[in-house]
């Protein structure tokens, strides 16, 4: 009987360890286990926008939000733009949840969401490619206003806390935290003699009507 009792204790211990391991895994890799939903509209950009507002208050930069620009039938589908003496920083926010797969050179990225027994797999255009097109359109708007040497950059920020980004570190994407770290870099505190008022006016002259802005 003692042997049987000892065996039962061992079996129970193994079972408890298995349960503990499962919950530890679900916690440390929580974005897989937590149910979430996509952020859309103003919720998609709210956290990143708060970071941008603090930056503008501290650095005297100009914030343009929302910032969908239109020129010759093309659109720069942006959430907001920062205009400072450093130049112009355009920001595209993505509120996707689930697991996000891709790399800088892929034409399509993949979103996997939902529970394992009912997963939804959705491919979508590489947002970095669109960011490059947006940058060119913004530069064209500035160039047309006679502002030919203003540095322009567009970044993609994933704002959903439930997103798990399975992306190479050198992809060029940001989370809200790393976006905050980005704005702390020296390049965004340099004075490149950009006329903030003129650059902002040139961009605002190309703002698309509200009906052209994205909701998702």
C-alpha atoms as a PDB file:
ATOM      1  CA  UNK A   1       0.000   0.000   0.000  1.00  0.00           C
ATOM      2  CA  UNK A   2       2.840   2.351   0.774  1.00  0.00           C
ATOM      3  CA  UNK A   3       4.207   1.853  -2.741  1.00  0.00           C
ATOM      4  CA  UNK A   4       0.817   2.633  -4.271  1.00  0.00           C
ATOM      5  CA  UNK A   5       0.523   5.717  -2.064  1.00  0.00           C
ATOM      6  CA  UNK A   6       3.989   6.870  -3.127  1.00  0.00           C
ATOM      7  CA  UNK A   7       3.090   6.406  -6.781  1.00  0.00           C
ATOM      8  CA  UNK A   8      -0.091   8.454  -6.340  1.00  0.00           C
ATOM      9  CA  UNK A   9       1.920  11.252  -4.744  1.00  0.00           C
ATOM     10  CA  UNK A  10       4.376  11.262  -7.670  1.00  0.00           C
ATOM     11  CA  UNK A  11       1.562  11.313 -10.238  1.00  0.00           C
ATOM     12  CA  UNK A  12      -0.177  14.168  -8.436  1.00  0.00           C
ATOM     13  CA  UNK A  13       3.071  16.124  -8.233  1.00  0.00           C
ATOM     14  CA  UNK A  14       3.727  15.710 -11.958  1.00  0.00           C
ATOM     15  CA  UNK A  15       0.175  16.856 -12.726  1.00  0.00           C
ATOM     16  CA  UNK A  16       0.559  19.950 -10.571  1.00  0.00           C
ATOM     17  CA  UNK A  17       3.898  20.795 -12.196  1.00  0.00           C
ATOM     18  CA  UNK A  18       2.318  20.434 -15.636  1.00  0.00           C
ATOM     19  CA  UNK A  19      -0.489  22.814 -14.718  1.00  0.00           C
ATOM     20  CA  UNK A  20       1.994  25.282 -13.226  1.00  0.00           C
ATOM     21  CA  UNK A  21       4.144  25.128 -16.358  1.00  0.00           C
ATOM     22  CA  UNK A  22       1.101  25.728 -18.584  1.00  0.00           C
ATOM     23  CA  UNK A  23       0.046  28.847 -16.725  1.00  0.00           C
ATOM     24  CA  UNK A  24       3.620  30.124 -16.575  1.00  0.00           C
ATOM     25  CA  UNK A  25       3.877  29.732 -20.343  1.00  0.00           C
ATOM     26  CA  UNK A  26       0.517  31.420 -20.905  1.00  0.00           C
ATOM     27  CA  UNK A  27       1.680  34.342 -18.767  1.00  0.00           C
ATOM     28  CA  UNK A  28       5.181  34.825 -20.158  1.00  0.00           C
ATOM     29  CA  UNK A  29       3.913  34.412 -23.710  1.00  0.00           C
ATOM     30  CA  UNK A  30       0.672  36.098 -22.784  1.00  0.00           C
ATOM     31  CA  UNK A  31      -0.070  37.817 -26.050  1.00  0.00           C
ATOM     32  CA  UNK A  32      -0.803  34.412 -27.488  1.00  0.00           C
ATOM     33  CA  UNK A  33      -3.112  33.462 -24.640  1.00  0.00           C
ATOM     34  CA  UNK A  34      -4.964  36.737 -24.063  1.00  0.00           C
ATOM     35  CA  UNK A  35      -8.046  37.497 -26.090  1.00  0.00           C
ATOM     36  CA  UNK A  36      -7.988  40.936 -27.635  1.00  0.00           C
ATOM     37  CA  UNK A  37      -9.498  43.052 -30.348  1.00  0.00           C
ATOM     38  CA  UNK A  38      -8.153  45.362 -32.996  1.00  0.00           C
ATOM     39  CA  UNK A  39      -7.875  49.060 -32.276  1.00  0.00           C
ATOM     40  CA  UNK A  40      -9.598  51.262 -34.829  1.00  0.00           C
ATOM     41  CA  UNK A  41     -10.275  54.939 -35.357  1.00  0.00           C
ATOM     42  CA  UNK A  42      -8.949  57.234 -32.655  1.00  0.00           C
ATOM     43  CA  UNK A  43      -8.228  54.272 -30.345  1.00  0.00           C
ATOM     44  CA  UNK A  44      -5.603  53.041 -32.803  1.00  0.00           C
ATOM     45  CA  UNK A  45      -3.441  56.140 -32.476  1.00  0.00           C
ATOM     46  CA  UNK A  46      -4.311  57.415 -28.979  1.00  0.00           C
ATOM     47  CA  UNK A  47      -1.281  56.105 -27.076  1.00  0.00           C
ATOM     48  CA  UNK A  48       1.264  57.081 -29.722  1.00  0.00           C
ATOM     49  CA  UNK A  49      -0.413  60.467 -30.103  1.00  0.00           C
ATOM     50  CA  UNK A  50      -0.019  61.115 -26.378  1.00  0.00           C
ATOM     51  CA  UNK A  51       3.731  60.490 -26.745  1.00  0.00           C
ATOM     52  CA  UNK A  52       3.844  62.870 -29.713  1.00  0.00           C
ATOM     53  CA  UNK A  53       1.999  65.617 -27.841  1.00  0.00           C
ATOM     54  CA  UNK A  54       4.495  65.466 -24.987  1.00  0.00           C
ATOM     55  CA  UNK A  55       7.344  65.684 -27.471  1.00  0.00           C
ATOM     56  CA  UNK A  56       5.817  68.740 -29.158  1.00  0.00           C
ATOM     57  CA  UNK A  57       5.240  70.463 -25.818  1.00  0.00           C
ATOM     58  CA  UNK A  58       8.867  69.936 -24.835  1.00  0.00           C
ATOM     59  CA  UNK A  59      10.497  70.651 -28.189  1.00  0.00           C
ATOM     60  CA  UNK A  60       8.242  73.321 -29.675  1.00  0.00           C
ATOM     61  CA  UNK A  61       7.341  71.054 -32.587  1.00  0.00           C
ATOM     62  CA  UNK A  62       4.087  71.246 -34.542  1.00  0.00           C
ATOM     63  CA  UNK A  63       1.609  68.346 -34.506  1.00  0.00           C
ATOM     64  CA  UNK A  64      -0.699  67.705 -37.453  1.00  0.00           C
ATOM     65  CA  UNK A  65      -3.426  65.195 -36.593  1.00  0.00           C
ATOM     66  CA  UNK A  66      -5.178  63.572 -38.297  1.00  0.00           C
ATOM     67  CA  UNK A  67      -2.895  63.734 -41.302  1.00  0.00           C
ATOM     68  CA  UNK A  68      -4.165  62.010 -44.434  1.00  0.00           C
ATOM     69  CA  UNK A  69      -2.601  63.884 -47.348  1.00  0.00           C
ATOM     70  CA  UNK A  70      -3.762  63.795 -50.975  1.00  0.00           C
ATOM     71  CA  UNK A  71      -1.877  64.764 -54.129  1.00  0.00           C
ATOM     72  CA  UNK A  72      -2.688  63.893 -57.753  1.00  0.00           C
ATOM     73  CA  UNK A  73      -4.968  61.026 -56.757  1.00  0.00           C
ATOM     74  CA  UNK A  74      -2.468  59.485 -54.317  1.00  0.00           C
ATOM     75  CA  UNK A  75      -2.822  59.401 -50.547  1.00  0.00           C
ATOM     76  CA  UNK A  76      -0.414  59.447 -47.616  1.00  0.00           C
ATOM     77  CA  UNK A  77      -2.568  57.575 -45.123  1.00  0.00           C
ATOM     78  CA  UNK A  78      -1.029  58.829 -41.879  1.00  0.00           C
ATOM     79  CA  UNK A  79      -2.293  59.181 -38.319  1.00  0.00           C
ATOM     80  CA  UNK A  80      -0.215  62.222 -37.457  1.00  0.00           C
ATOM     81  CA  UNK A  81       2.840  64.233 -38.461  1.00  0.00           C
ATOM     82  CA  UNK A  82       5.464  65.928 -36.314  1.00  0.00           C
ATOM     83  CA  UNK A  83       7.110  69.011 -37.778  1.00  0.00           C
ATOM     84  CA  UNK A  84      10.152  70.333 -35.941  1.00  0.00           C
ATOM     85  CA  UNK A  85      13.451  72.033 -36.571  1.00  0.00           C
ATOM     86  CA  UNK A  86      14.780  68.476 -37.152  1.00  0.00           C
ATOM     87  CA  UNK A  87      12.463  67.966 -40.126  1.00  0.00           C
ATOM     88  CA  UNK A  88       9.244  65.996 -40.594  1.00  0.00           C
ATOM     89  CA  UNK A  89       8.332  62.702 -38.939  1.00  0.00           C
ATOM     90  CA  UNK A  90       5.215  60.968 -40.281  1.00  0.00           C
ATOM     91  CA  UNK A  91       3.561  58.278 -38.171  1.00  0.00           C
ATOM     92  CA  UNK A  92       1.313  55.439 -39.326  1.00  0.00           C
ATOM     93  CA  UNK A  93      -0.336  53.513 -36.477  1.00  0.00           C
ATOM     94  CA  UNK A  94      -1.478  49.897 -36.719  1.00  0.00           C
ATOM     95  CA  UNK A  95      -3.951  48.594 -34.137  1.00  0.00           C
ATOM     96  CA  UNK A  96      -3.729  44.940 -35.184  1.00  0.00           C
ATOM     97  CA  UNK A  97      -3.976  42.223 -32.535  1.00  0.00           C
ATOM     98  CA  UNK A  98      -2.798  38.621 -32.621  1.00  0.00           C
ATOM     99  CA  UNK A  99       0.532  37.437 -34.004  1.00  0.00           C
ATOM    100  CA  UNK A 100       2.121  39.521 -36.758  1.00  0.00           C
ATOM    101  CA  UNK A 101       4.653  37.917 -39.116  1.00  0.00           C
ATOM    102  CA  UNK A 102       6.720  39.575 -41.825  1.00  0.00           C
ATOM    103  CA  UNK A 103       9.976  41.222 -42.780  1.00  0.00           C
ATOM    104  CA  UNK A 104      11.036  44.408 -44.530  1.00  0.00           C
ATOM    105  CA  UNK A 105      11.377  42.683 -47.901  1.00  0.00           C
ATOM    106  CA  UNK A 106       8.050  40.833 -47.900  1.00  0.00           C
ATOM    107  CA  UNK A 107       5.269  42.177 -50.102  1.00  0.00           C
ATOM    108  CA  UNK A 108       2.660  40.714 -47.730  1.00  0.00           C
ATOM    109  CA  UNK A 109       2.633  40.257 -43.965  1.00  0.00           C
ATOM    110  CA  UNK A 110       0.514  37.770 -42.020  1.00  0.00           C
ATOM    111  CA  UNK A 111      -1.800  38.269 -39.053  1.00  0.00           C
ATOM    112  CA  UNK A 112      -2.848  35.207 -37.039  1.00  0.00           C
ATOM    113  CA  UNK A 113      -5.556  35.785 -34.468  1.00  0.00           C
ATOM    114  CA  UNK A 114      -8.045  33.806 -32.399  1.00  0.00           C
ATOM    115  CA  UNK A 115      -7.758  30.557 -30.459  1.00  0.00           C
ATOM    116  CA  UNK A 116      -5.792  27.640 -31.841  1.00  0.00           C
ATOM    117  CA  UNK A 117      -8.951  25.693 -32.689  1.00  0.00           C
ATOM    118  CA  UNK A 118     -10.465  28.657 -34.572  1.00  0.00           C
ATOM    119  CA  UNK A 119      -7.595  30.735 -35.921  1.00  0.00           C
ATOM    120  CA  UNK A 120      -8.054  33.466 -38.488  1.00  0.00           C
ATOM    121  CA  UNK A 121      -5.146  34.087 -40.854  1.00  0.00           C
ATOM    122  CA  UNK A 122      -5.156  37.357 -42.757  1.00  0.00           C
ATOM    123  CA  UNK A 123      -2.505  38.623 -45.161  1.00  0.00           C
ATOM    124  CA  UNK A 124      -2.052  42.364 -45.580  1.00  0.00           C
ATOM    125  CA  UNK A 125       0.230  44.702 -47.497  1.00  0.00           C
ATOM    126  CA  UNK A 126       3.641  45.348 -45.959  1.00  0.00           C
ATOM    127  CA  UNK A 127       3.053  48.642 -44.072  1.00  0.00           C
ATOM    128  CA  UNK A 128       6.700  49.646 -44.533  1.00  0.00           C
ATOM    129  CA  UNK A 129       6.229  49.706 -48.307  1.00  0.00           C
ATOM    130  CA  UNK A 130       3.250  52.029 -47.924  1.00  0.00           C
ATOM    131  CA  UNK A 131       5.294  54.127 -45.494  1.00  0.00           C
ATOM    132  CA  UNK A 132       7.890  54.610 -48.232  1.00  0.00           C
ATOM    133  CA  UNK A 133       5.201  55.826 -50.644  1.00  0.00           C
ATOM    134  CA  UNK A 134       3.833  58.155 -47.966  1.00  0.00           C
ATOM    135  CA  UNK A 135       7.307  59.627 -47.465  1.00  0.00           C
ATOM    136  CA  UNK A 136       7.645  60.384 -51.164  1.00  0.00           C
ATOM    137  CA  UNK A 137       4.240  62.110 -51.273  1.00  0.00           C
ATOM    138  CA  UNK A 138       5.096  64.254 -48.238  1.00  0.00           C
ATOM    139  CA  UNK A 139       8.429  65.213 -49.783  1.00  0.00           C
ATOM    140  CA  UNK A 140       6.633  66.153 -52.999  1.00  0.00           C
ATOM    141  CA  UNK A 141       4.248  68.422 -51.073  1.00  0.00           C
ATOM    142  CA  UNK A 142       7.177  70.171 -49.393  1.00  0.00           C
ATOM    143  CA  UNK A 143       9.142  70.397 -52.640  1.00  0.00           C
ATOM    144  CA  UNK A 144       6.192  72.034 -54.396  1.00  0.00           C
ATOM    145  CA  UNK A 145       6.172  74.689 -51.664  1.00  0.00           C
ATOM    146  CA  UNK A 146       9.854  75.435 -52.279  1.00  0.00           C
ATOM    147  CA  UNK A 147      11.048  73.451 -49.251  1.00  0.00           C
ATOM    148  CA  UNK A 148      13.545  71.168 -50.947  1.00  0.00           C
ATOM    149  CA  UNK A 149      15.912  70.188 -48.146  1.00  0.00           C
ATOM    150  CA  UNK A 150      13.543  69.202 -45.328  1.00  0.00           C
ATOM    151  CA  UNK A 151      14.326  65.703 -43.968  1.00  0.00           C
ATOM    152  CA  UNK A 152      11.258  63.436 -44.065  1.00  0.00           C
ATOM    153  CA  UNK A 153      10.778  60.045 -42.412  1.00  0.00           C
ATOM    154  CA  UNK A 154       7.759  57.786 -41.959  1.00  0.00           C
ATOM    155  CA  UNK A 155       7.517  55.152 -39.207  1.00  0.00           C
ATOM    156  CA  UNK A 156       4.989  52.418 -38.462  1.00  0.00           C
ATOM    157  CA  UNK A 157       3.917  52.034 -34.819  1.00  0.00           C
ATOM    158  CA  UNK A 158       2.042  48.958 -33.559  1.00  0.00           C
ATOM    159  CA  UNK A 159      -0.159  50.292 -30.768  1.00  0.00           C
ATOM    160  CA  UNK A 160      -2.136  47.234 -29.635  1.00  0.00           C
ATOM    161  CA  UNK A 161      -0.898  45.758 -26.343  1.00  0.00           C
ATOM    162  CA  UNK A 162      -2.275  42.373 -27.414  1.00  0.00           C
ATOM    163  CA  UNK A 163      -0.170  42.215 -30.570  1.00  0.00           C
ATOM    164  CA  UNK A 164       2.703  39.760 -30.641  1.00  0.00           C
ATOM    165  CA  UNK A 165       5.238  40.982 -33.201  1.00  0.00           C
ATOM    166  CA  UNK A 166       7.108  38.053 -34.701  1.00  0.00           C
ATOM    167  CA  UNK A 167       9.296  40.376 -36.771  1.00  0.00           C
ATOM    168  CA  UNK A 168      13.079  40.645 -37.176  1.00  0.00           C
ATOM    169  CA  UNK A 169      14.572  43.372 -34.993  1.00  0.00           C
ATOM    170  CA  UNK A 170      15.916  45.199 -38.043  1.00  0.00           C
ATOM    171  CA  UNK A 171      12.513  45.355 -39.757  1.00  0.00           C
ATOM    172  CA  UNK A 172      12.073  49.038 -38.846  1.00  0.00           C
ATOM    173  CA  UNK A 173       8.831  48.825 -36.879  1.00  0.00           C
ATOM    174  CA  UNK A 174       7.995  50.346 -33.487  1.00  0.00           C
ATOM    175  CA  UNK A 175       5.779  49.768 -30.491  1.00  0.00           C
ATOM    176  CA  UNK A 176       4.536  52.691 -28.395  1.00  0.00           C
ATOM    177  CA  UNK A 177       7.469  52.168 -26.022  1.00  0.00           C
ATOM    178  CA  UNK A 178      10.121  52.047 -28.727  1.00  0.00           C
ATOM    179  CA  UNK A 179       8.467  55.013 -30.469  1.00  0.00           C
ATOM    180  CA  UNK A 180       8.918  56.975 -27.231  1.00  0.00           C
ATOM    181  CA  UNK A 181      12.566  55.871 -27.185  1.00  0.00           C
ATOM    182  CA  UNK A 182      12.931  56.937 -30.820  1.00  0.00           C
ATOM    183  CA  UNK A 183      11.872  60.494 -30.035  1.00  0.00           C
ATOM    184  CA  UNK A 184      14.548  60.636 -27.343  1.00  0.00           C
ATOM    185  CA  UNK A 185      17.293  60.169 -29.938  1.00  0.00           C
ATOM    186  CA  UNK A 186      19.584  63.080 -30.732  1.00  0.00           C
ATOM    187  CA  UNK A 187      18.429  63.365 -34.352  1.00  0.00           C
ATOM    188  CA  UNK A 188      15.007  64.624 -33.212  1.00  0.00           C
ATOM    189  CA  UNK A 189      16.545  67.290 -31.002  1.00  0.00           C
ATOM    190  CA  UNK A 190      18.844  68.745 -33.653  1.00  0.00           C
ATOM    191  CA  UNK A 191      18.231  72.123 -35.223  1.00  0.00           C
ATOM    192  CA  UNK A 192      18.392  71.620 -38.987  1.00  0.00           C
ATOM    193  CA  UNK A 193      16.997  75.104 -39.549  1.00  0.00           C
ATOM    194  CA  UNK A 194      13.635  73.818 -40.749  1.00  0.00           C
ATOM    195  CA  UNK A 195      11.000  76.552 -40.816  1.00  0.00           C
ATOM    196  CA  UNK A 196       8.273  74.812 -38.815  1.00  0.00           C
ATOM    197  CA  UNK A 197       5.475  77.205 -39.778  1.00  0.00           C
ATOM    198  CA  UNK A 198       6.191  77.006 -43.533  1.00  0.00           C
ATOM    199  CA  UNK A 199       6.625  73.222 -43.552  1.00  0.00           C
ATOM    200  CA  UNK A 200       3.423  72.679 -41.560  1.00  0.00           C
ATOM    201  CA  UNK A 201       1.487  75.053 -43.827  1.00  0.00           C
ATOM    202  CA  UNK A 202       2.720  73.212 -46.932  1.00  0.00           C
ATOM    203  CA  UNK A 203       1.502  69.899 -45.527  1.00  0.00           C
ATOM    204  CA  UNK A 204      -1.799  71.251 -44.214  1.00  0.00           C
ATOM    205  CA  UNK A 205      -2.520  72.646 -47.695  1.00  0.00           C
ATOM    206  CA  UNK A 206      -2.563  69.034 -48.920  1.00  0.00           C
ATOM    207  CA  UNK A 207      -4.773  67.539 -46.204  1.00  0.00           C
ATOM    208  CA  UNK A 208      -7.496  65.277 -47.587  1.00  0.00           C
ATOM    209  CA  UNK A 209     -11.140  65.783 -46.578  1.00  0.00           C
ATOM    210  CA  UNK A 210     -12.382  63.814 -43.577  1.00  0.00           C
ATOM    211  CA  UNK A 211     -14.223  61.373 -45.866  1.00  0.00           C
ATOM    212  CA  UNK A 212     -10.881  60.179 -47.275  1.00  0.00           C
ATOM    213  CA  UNK A 213      -9.428  59.224 -43.894  1.00  0.00           C
ATOM    214  CA  UNK A 214      -9.254  55.587 -42.869  1.00  0.00           C
ATOM    215  CA  UNK A 215     -11.441  54.256 -40.049  1.00  0.00           C
ATOM    216  CA  UNK A 216      -9.769  50.867 -39.559  1.00  0.00           C
END
